[in-house]
Amino acid sequence: MNVKIVCFLLGRLTLYGAGTLCLPFIAAFFYGDAGRAFFGASIMLTATLACLLLAYGSYDKYKETISNREGVATMVFAWLLLSAVGSLPYLFSGSFDVVSALFESVSGLTTTGASVIPDVEIVPKSILLWRSLTQWLGGLGVIMIFIVLLPQLSGSAVQLFNSEFGGFSFNKMLPRMKNTAWVIFGIYLILTFAETLLLMCCHLNFFDAFNHSLTTVATGGFSTYNDGVAHFHSPLVEIVITIFMFLASVNFTLYFAATKKGLAVFKEDDEFKAYVYLLVVLSGLITLNLALTKGGVLADNMRLAVFHVVSFSSTAGFAAFDYDQWPAFANFLLTILYFTGACSGSTAGGIKISRFLVLMKIIKAELARVLHPTMLLKISYNGRLLTVPQLISINCFFFIYVASIILFSLLLAATGVSMNESIFGVASCLSSVSPGVGLIGGMSNFGTLTAGGKWVLIAAMLLGRLEFFTVLVLLRTEFWHSARRW
């Protein structure tokens, strides 16, 4: 592995991180809060680190290419480095210990939305803006934005692009990578500003509208209020946020394809159709369950059901109501969405609908093989045959996902958390959903956890966001010692 290339890429990315810190730094002056000092210190330290990495690193696009190994290493270390950088403003504010500051930063960048802040309404606005910005950057993916902003990468960006656009999708391999990245980035910006304008039309001030737009299109879930979206008591606000959570949970490469081929691409995509069907069915079941057990106005039950189904499936994790008060049946349907997630190539976390579709086809094929052992079976997705390595990858992903939930749940339970809260807390962090149950439910936070519990969930958030294989490959000695280019 060429360490100098990795250091060069990390240095440039860290430099952009220092530039991003300037926005809340300016906001601190505008709002007159205490953020001026600790954001100023964060910018200086981050810029210094960037200069050191650039001084050591080097990259000549005419002589060198980014191999798969450098792409993976850059991906993993970028998340670790930017998580540390993102924690600096929290740490310098004096209100966070090291672990809590890192937890808040990782939660933001991985778009998990789990928070350790007991009262966000007394936090300086510059800090609140930084929390939202970390989710916005992490939503599309820091590497994706990196590809757009760094011309030197050129065609070699394919390794970083594929590492960032995790999930199982044929659309993630696209020609003219740079142009594709720019279009997707442009769509991301359009969604952000469009939602800001609509929320302002719903009588939100610019600060609240902008922050909630940043975290909605990133499917992150951070809010400027303790009770989240429920604070506004506005059906219009809930409807706008629901729409944009859904738009952000759709494969962004479909939007790119729609600019070339029209809206027909959505009708042809198996994952999109299955995702919409899932949302409709679960929303209907929860609406019916609430109507039968709680009564109330049908329209209100439907609005809350659709909001929370989209919130959980998109892994945004917003709460417009304390869903812990809902019947067990409705809560169970929501917990299913911890695992399904949304579409691959979106800002959402979770296992992804595409993997479930393929797994169902594998099960169907296996049942047919039992009856006809000599039959040659083929599995296709979106009209294309899947290769054996692709099928093995999907099966391995499911195994690692389940094994990770078991392992991290045991570790979290060892810190004193109940088993029920441990399982759902870990599942929520692995899937980047945020809300757990009980003491870490939708109207609570993760601040009650011990330092050990926070470390466990930090690891779970990073592992889930990087979709396991990107991290686990670093455990192979071949990754570090082999001189071969791969």
Foldseek 3Di string as FASTA:
>chain_A
DQVQALLQLLLVLLLVVLVVLVVLCVVCVVVVHPLVVQSVVLSVVSNVSSVVSNVRHDDDLVPDFQFLLSLLVSQQVSLVVQLQSLLRSVVVVVPDDNLQSSLLSLLQLLLLQFHQDFWLLPPDLSNLQSSLQSLLCNLLHSLLVSLQPDCSNFPSSLSNQDLQLDADDPLSDDPPSNVLSVVLVVVSVVQQVVQLVQVVVVVDDNSQSNSLSSLLLLLRAHGSGLQFPLVVVDLSNLVSSLVNLQVQLDASSLVVVCVVVNPVSLVLAPQNVVQVVLLVVLLVVQLVQCCVPVNDDSVVSSSQSSSLQSSLQQLSQGHSDQCLPGDPVNVVSSLVSLAAHGDRNGSFFHNHSQLVVQVVVVVVVVVVCVVPVPDDDFGDGSPHTDDPVVVVVSVVLVVVLVVLLVVLLVQLVVQPDDSQQSSQCLSSLLRSNQAGDDCRHSSHHDSVGDSSNSVSSSVSNSCSSSSPPSVVVVVDPCSPPPPDRD
